[in-house]
Amino acid sequence: MKALDEAARPAPSPGQTSVIIPAFNEAPSIAGVLHDLQACGAWRELLVIDDGSIDDTAAHAASAGARVISHPYNLGNGAAVKTGLRQATGTFVLIIDGDGQHPPEDALRLVSRLGEYDLVIGARAGATQATQTRRAGNSALNRLASYLTDREIPDLTSGFRGARREHLREFLHLLPNGFSTPTTTTLAFIKVGYNVIFEPVEARQRAGQSKIKLARDGTKFLIIIFKIVTLFSPLRIFLPLSLASFIVGAGYAAWTIATQSHVTNSSVLLILFAVVVFLVGLVSEQISALRFEGRQ
């Protein structure tokens, strides 16, 4: 039956794909991005979500043939993506930045993999990612996310991705309004068992300045990682914390018994803390499982 379901899936093509382009003050590049996309395929629709831009982004996008949906004020990249998902009509969606980083041929390559995979992510080569500091920050987030999901994640924060629209809409309520939407969708798709692949892409020099600030947004990305993993697999966080506390407490207790012939209150508290954290983790795991009871 599963094989028949897979065979019944529509073949991915630009004609079945809605392209969602969240844009905030991208007037210098948005028309070029649209022309490049139109030149490489006949897409079902090109949706530009103008997120409260104060320049001519909306006018340039409309003149280039896109359907423009404007927010009255800046809500955030994630809010723009959510608006696009609500408005899109294609079987598949492709989300691409409006700053000209991604070549159109890569867009076609990502869409072509959607017959096999539910989420295809354009994984940028490290050398093409902004500054040395940004690369180091992204690398640290990738390693943490890889551990928490037990899956190699080469580019957690890439906003360049294609997916089945119906699957993305399942997680609409989880998506933040800010720049953590790629992080949330990547972790959510992996944790619920959808097929995810990272397709290598080369990012070009973007037009203008990045809206993401490492100092301001790095902590937000970190919180999002813990939030999503806690939602779907809490023991990946609670168990290591419990083990660390137990090992330290038991080790300290053994040392004080050997050297002072008694157990300190600190050792007892650490061991009790380990037990409590472990039990909370078990309860959280059960709650997480109940969230998916009856899920198709």
Protein backbone atom coordinates (compact mmCIF):
# COMPACT_ATOMS: atom_id res chain seq x y z
CA MET A 1 0.00 0.00 0.00
CA LYS A 2 2.84 2.40 0.87
CA ALA A 3 4.50 1.72 -2.49
CA LEU A 4 1.24 2.57 -4.25
CA ASP A 5 0.95 5.79 -2.25
CA GLU A 6 4.48 6.77 -3.24
CA ALA A 7 3.75 6.00 -6.90
CA ALA A 8 0.61 8.13 -6.76
CA ARG A 9 2.51 11.23 -5.71
CA PRO A 10 2.58 13.88 -8.46
CA ALA A 11 5.93 14.29 -10.19
CA PRO A 12 7.61 17.50 -9.03
CA SER A 13 7.81 20.26 -11.61
CA PRO A 14 7.85 24.08 -11.65
CA GLY A 15 4.25 24.02 -12.85
CA GLN A 16 3.17 22.42 -9.56
CA THR A 17 5.37 24.63 -7.41
CA SER A 18 4.52 27.92 -5.73
CA VAL A 19 7.61 30.06 -5.16
CA ILE A 20 7.48 32.08 -1.94
CA ILE A 21 9.87 35.03 -1.67
CA PRO A 22 9.81 36.85 1.70
CA ALA A 23 11.18 40.33 1.05
CA PHE A 24 12.02 43.29 3.24
CA ASN A 25 13.67 46.26 1.52
CA GLU A 26 14.94 44.15 -1.41
CA ALA A 27 14.20 46.68 -4.18
CA PRO A 28 17.72 46.48 -5.71
CA SER A 29 17.55 42.72 -6.27
CA ILE A 30 13.94 41.48 -6.30
CA ALA A 31 13.24 42.07 -10.01
CA GLY A 32 16.43 40.24 -10.99
CA VAL A 33 15.52 37.26 -8.81
CA LEU A 34 12.08 37.06 -10.42
CA HIS A 35 13.42 37.38 -13.97
CA ASP A 36 15.96 34.59 -13.29
CA LEU A 37 13.24 32.32 -11.92
CA GLN A 38 10.92 33.01 -14.84
CA ALA A 39 13.73 32.27 -17.30
CA CYS A 40 14.40 28.82 -15.86
CA GLY A 41 10.85 27.46 -15.61
CA ALA A 42 7.10 28.04 -15.83
CA TRP A 43 6.25 28.17 -12.12
CA ARG A 44 2.70 27.80 -10.88
CA GLU A 45 3.00 31.19 -9.18
CA LEU A 46 5.60 33.62 -7.88
CA LEU A 47 4.52 35.05 -4.52
CA VAL A 48 6.45 37.98 -3.13
CA ILE A 49 5.53 38.73 0.47
CA ASP A 50 6.49 42.35 1.00
CA ASP A 51 7.08 42.48 4.74
CA GLY A 52 6.47 46.18 5.37
CA SER A 53 9.29 47.43 3.13
CA ILE A 54 9.95 51.16 3.11
CA ASP A 55 11.48 51.11 -0.38
CA ASP A 56 10.02 50.11 -3.78
CA THR A 57 10.22 46.34 -3.27
CA ALA A 58 6.49 45.78 -3.90
CA ALA A 59 6.41 47.93 -7.04
CA HIS A 60 9.50 46.28 -8.54
CA ALA A 61 8.13 42.81 -7.77
CA ALA A 62 4.74 43.56 -9.32
CA SER A 63 6.31 45.01 -12.46
CA ALA A 64 8.42 41.84 -12.79
CA GLY A 65 5.28 39.70 -12.86
CA ALA A 66 4.96 38.47 -9.29
CA ARG A 67 1.82 38.32 -7.21
CA VAL A 68 2.57 40.68 -4.34
CA ILE A 69 1.08 40.38 -0.87
CA SER A 70 2.03 43.24 1.43
CA HIS A 71 2.17 43.40 5.21
CA PRO A 72 1.23 46.85 6.57
CA TYR A 73 4.37 46.83 8.72
CA ASN A 74 7.41 44.63 9.29
CA LEU A 75 6.37 41.37 11.00
CA GLY A 76 9.47 39.28 10.37
CA ASN A 77 10.77 36.76 7.86
CA GLY A 78 8.84 33.90 9.46
CA ALA A 79 5.57 35.83 9.35
CA ALA A 80 6.15 36.47 5.63
CA VAL A 81 6.74 32.75 5.02
CA LYS A 82 3.54 31.88 6.91
CA THR A 83 1.56 34.36 4.80
CA GLY A 84 3.01 32.76 1.68
CA LEU A 85 2.08 29.26 2.84
CA ARG A 86 -1.49 30.37 3.50
CA GLN A 87 -1.77 31.90 0.05
CA ALA A 88 0.13 29.31 -2.01
CA THR A 89 -1.84 26.90 -4.19
CA GLY A 90 0.87 24.57 -5.49
CA THR A 91 1.40 20.97 -4.41
CA PHE A 92 4.98 21.99 -3.62
CA VAL A 93 6.47 25.23 -2.38
CA LEU A 94 9.93 26.65 -2.88
CA ILE A 95 11.10 29.28 -0.42
CA ILE A 96 13.91 31.48 -1.71
CA ASP A 97 15.46 34.71 -0.47
CA GLY A 98 14.89 37.91 -2.40
CA ASP A 99 18.52 39.06 -2.18
CA GLY A 100 19.84 37.19 -5.24
CA GLN A 101 22.01 34.68 -3.35
CA HIS A 102 20.64 31.58 -5.03
CA PRO A 103 21.05 30.71 -8.74
CA PRO A 104 17.80 29.65 -10.49
CA GLU A 105 19.31 26.36 -11.62
CA ASP A 106 19.65 25.40 -7.96
CA ALA A 107 15.95 26.15 -7.51
CA LEU A 108 15.09 23.65 -10.23
CA ARG A 109 17.43 21.07 -8.69
CA LEU A 110 15.79 21.37 -5.28
CA VAL A 111 12.29 21.00 -6.74
CA SER A 112 13.34 17.96 -8.78
CA ARG A 113 14.16 16.07 -5.54
CA LEU A 114 10.70 16.56 -4.04
CA GLY A 115 9.39 13.35 -5.62
CA GLU A 116 11.66 11.40 -3.25
CA TYR A 117 11.84 13.76 -0.28
CA ASP A 118 9.37 15.79 1.75
CA LEU A 119 11.86 18.58 2.49
CA VAL A 120 14.88 19.53 0.36
CA ILE A 121 17.24 22.09 1.90
CA GLY A 122 19.86 24.04 -0.03
CA ALA A 123 22.96 23.47 2.12
CA ARG A 124 25.44 26.27 1.51
CA ALA A 125 29.16 25.55 1.29
CA GLY A 126 30.97 26.97 4.32
CA ALA A 127 33.17 29.24 2.20
CA THR A 128 30.13 31.00 0.72
CA GLN A 129 28.60 31.94 4.07
CA ALA A 130 29.18 35.60 4.95
CA THR A 131 31.89 36.31 7.54
CA GLN A 132 34.23 34.08 9.54
CA THR A 133 32.23 34.84 12.70
CA ARG A 134 28.96 33.91 11.01
CA ARG A 135 30.47 30.67 9.74
CA ALA A 136 31.70 29.77 13.22
CA GLY A 137 28.27 30.51 14.74
CA ASN A 138 26.42 28.48 12.11
CA SER A 139 28.87 25.60 12.56
CA ALA A 140 28.24 25.52 16.31
CA LEU A 141 24.45 25.50 15.75
CA ASN A 142 24.80 22.73 13.16
CA ARG A 143 26.78 20.53 15.57
CA LEU A 144 24.31 21.06 18.41
CA ALA A 145 21.31 20.35 16.17
CA SER A 146 23.03 17.24 14.77
CA TYR A 147 23.50 15.86 18.28
CA LEU A 148 19.96 16.65 19.42
CA THR A 149 18.34 15.10 16.32
CA ASP A 150 20.86 12.26 15.86
CA ARG A 151 21.17 13.29 12.22
CA GLU A 152 23.96 15.11 10.38
CA ILE A 153 22.81 18.68 9.67
CA PRO A 154 25.25 20.61 7.44
CA ASP A 155 23.24 23.85 7.22
CA LEU A 156 20.53 24.42 9.80
CA THR A 157 19.75 28.06 8.99
CA SER A 158 19.48 28.00 5.19
CA GLY A 159 16.23 29.67 4.12
CA PHE A 160 16.50 28.16 0.62
CA ARG A 161 14.26 25.07 0.66
CA GLY A 162 11.53 23.18 -1.11
CA ALA A 163 8.81 21.10 0.52
CA ARG A 164 5.35 19.66 0.17
CA ARG A 165 2.96 22.45 1.07
CA GLU A 166 0.67 20.17 3.08
CA HIS A 167 3.56 19.09 5.31
CA LEU A 168 4.79 22.62 5.93
CA ARG A 169 1.28 23.71 6.89
CA GLU A 170 1.25 21.02 9.62
CA PHE A 171 3.85 23.07 11.50
CA LEU A 172 2.43 26.51 10.81
CA HIS A 173 1.57 26.98 14.49
CA LEU A 174 5.20 26.29 15.48
CA LEU A 175 6.81 28.75 13.09
CA PRO A 176 8.12 31.93 14.77
CA ASN A 177 7.69 35.33 13.13
CA GLY A 178 11.42 36.03 13.12
CA PHE A 179 14.39 34.46 11.35
CA SER A 180 14.18 31.03 12.99
CA THR A 181 11.66 29.54 10.55
CA PRO A 182 14.31 27.47 8.68
CA THR A 183 15.61 26.09 11.99
CA THR A 184 12.10 25.19 13.16
CA THR A 185 11.03 23.47 9.93
CA THR A 186 14.28 21.50 9.64
CA LEU A 187 14.10 20.15 13.18
CA ALA A 188 10.36 19.49 13.05
CA PHE A 189 10.53 17.54 9.76
CA ILE A 190 13.43 15.42 11.03
CA LYS A 191 11.87 14.68 14.42
CA VAL A 192 8.50 13.54 13.03
CA GLY A 193 10.17 11.24 10.52
CA TYR A 194 9.67 13.00 7.21
CA ASN A 195 12.24 12.43 4.46
CA VAL A 196 14.77 15.29 4.55
CA ILE A 197 17.79 15.82 2.34
CA PHE A 198 20.45 18.54 2.25
CA GLU A 199 21.32 19.43 -1.34
CA PRO A 200 24.69 21.24 -1.74
CA VAL A 201 24.37 24.73 -3.28
CA GLU A 202 26.71 27.64 -3.86
CA ALA A 203 25.45 30.93 -2.42
CA ARG A 204 26.34 34.05 -4.42
CA GLN A 205 27.18 37.43 -2.95
CA ARG A 206 23.94 38.89 -1.67
CA ALA A 207 22.71 42.38 -2.58
CA GLY A 208 22.63 44.70 0.45
CA GLN A 209 23.24 43.79 4.08
CA SER A 210 22.01 40.73 5.96
CA LYS A 211 19.08 41.33 8.33
CA ILE A 212 20.40 38.71 10.77
CA LYS A 213 22.71 39.88 13.57
CA LEU A 214 24.77 37.16 15.25
CA ALA A 215 24.75 38.68 18.75
CA ARG A 216 21.02 39.42 18.69
CA ASP A 217 19.70 36.38 16.82
CA GLY A 218 22.19 33.67 17.87
CA THR A 219 20.50 33.21 21.25
CA LYS A 220 17.10 33.05 19.56
CA PHE A 221 18.31 30.24 17.28
CA LEU A 222 19.64 28.37 20.32
CA ILE A 223 16.32 28.68 22.17
CA ILE A 224 14.42 27.52 19.09
CA ILE A 225 16.61 24.39 18.85
CA PHE A 226 15.94 23.45 22.47
CA LYS A 227 12.24 24.28 22.13
CA ILE A 228 11.69 22.07 19.08
CA VAL A 229 13.74 19.15 20.38
CA THR A 230 11.95 19.37 23.74
CA LEU A 231 8.63 19.23 21.87
CA PHE A 232 9.54 16.15 19.86
CA SER A 233 12.26 14.28 21.80
CA PRO A 234 12.67 15.67 25.36
CA LEU A 235 15.01 12.96 26.65
CA ARG A 236 17.72 14.13 24.22
CA ILE A 237 18.00 17.15 26.55
CA PHE A 238 16.86 15.84 29.95
CA LEU A 239 18.86 12.59 29.96
CA PRO A 240 22.36 14.09 29.47
CA LEU A 241 21.59 16.75 32.08
CA SER A 242 20.43 14.07 34.53
CA LEU A 243 23.46 11.86 33.87
CA ALA A 244 25.89 14.75 34.31
CA SER A 245 24.32 15.72 37.64
CA PHE A 246 24.29 12.11 38.86
CA ILE A 247 27.93 11.48 37.88
CA VAL A 248 29.11 14.65 39.58
CA GLY A 249 27.02 13.98 42.70
CA ALA A 250 28.01 10.31 42.99
CA GLY A 251 31.66 11.12 42.31
CA TYR A 252 31.71 13.86 44.92
CA ALA A 253 29.96 11.53 47.42
CA ALA A 254 32.55 8.80 46.82
CA TRP A 255 35.38 11.30 47.31
CA THR A 256 33.98 12.70 50.57
CA ILE A 257 33.36 9.17 51.93
CA ALA A 258 36.94 8.20 51.12
CA THR A 259 38.50 11.37 52.53
CA GLN A 260 36.07 12.59 55.20
CA SER A 261 34.02 9.47 56.04
CA HIS A 262 30.68 11.18 55.39
CA VAL A 263 28.36 12.27 52.55
CA THR A 264 27.82 15.99 52.08
CA ASN A 265 24.50 17.69 51.47
CA SER A 266 25.79 18.88 48.09
CA SER A 267 26.22 15.29 46.89
CA VAL A 268 22.71 14.34 48.00
CA LEU A 269 21.20 17.40 46.32
CA LEU A 270 22.99 16.67 43.04
CA ILE A 271 21.81 13.06 43.02
CA LEU A 272 18.24 14.08 43.89
CA PHE A 273 18.37 16.72 41.15
CA ALA A 274 19.46 14.03 38.68
CA VAL A 275 16.52 11.81 39.66
CA VAL A 276 14.01 14.67 39.39
CA VAL A 277 15.33 15.77 35.97
CA PHE A 278 15.19 12.19 34.70
CA LEU A 279 11.60 11.75 35.89
CA VAL A 280 10.56 15.07 34.36
CA GLY A 281 12.18 13.93 31.12
CA LEU A 282 10.19 10.69 31.16
CA VAL A 283 6.92 12.56 31.72
CA SER A 284 7.82 15.01 28.95
CA GLU A 285 8.56 12.10 26.61
CA GLN A 286 5.11 10.66 27.27
CA ILE A 287 3.45 14.03 26.69
CA SER A 288 5.40 14.38 23.46
CA ALA A 289 4.20 10.93 22.33
CA LEU A 290 0.58 11.83 23.13
CA ARG A 291 0.82 14.85 20.85
CA PHE A 292 1.19 12.46 17.90
CA GLU A 293 -1.38 9.88 18.98
CA GLY A 294 -3.63 9.20 16.02
CA ARG A 295 -1.43 11.26 13.67
CA GLN A 296 -1.59 10.04 10.08
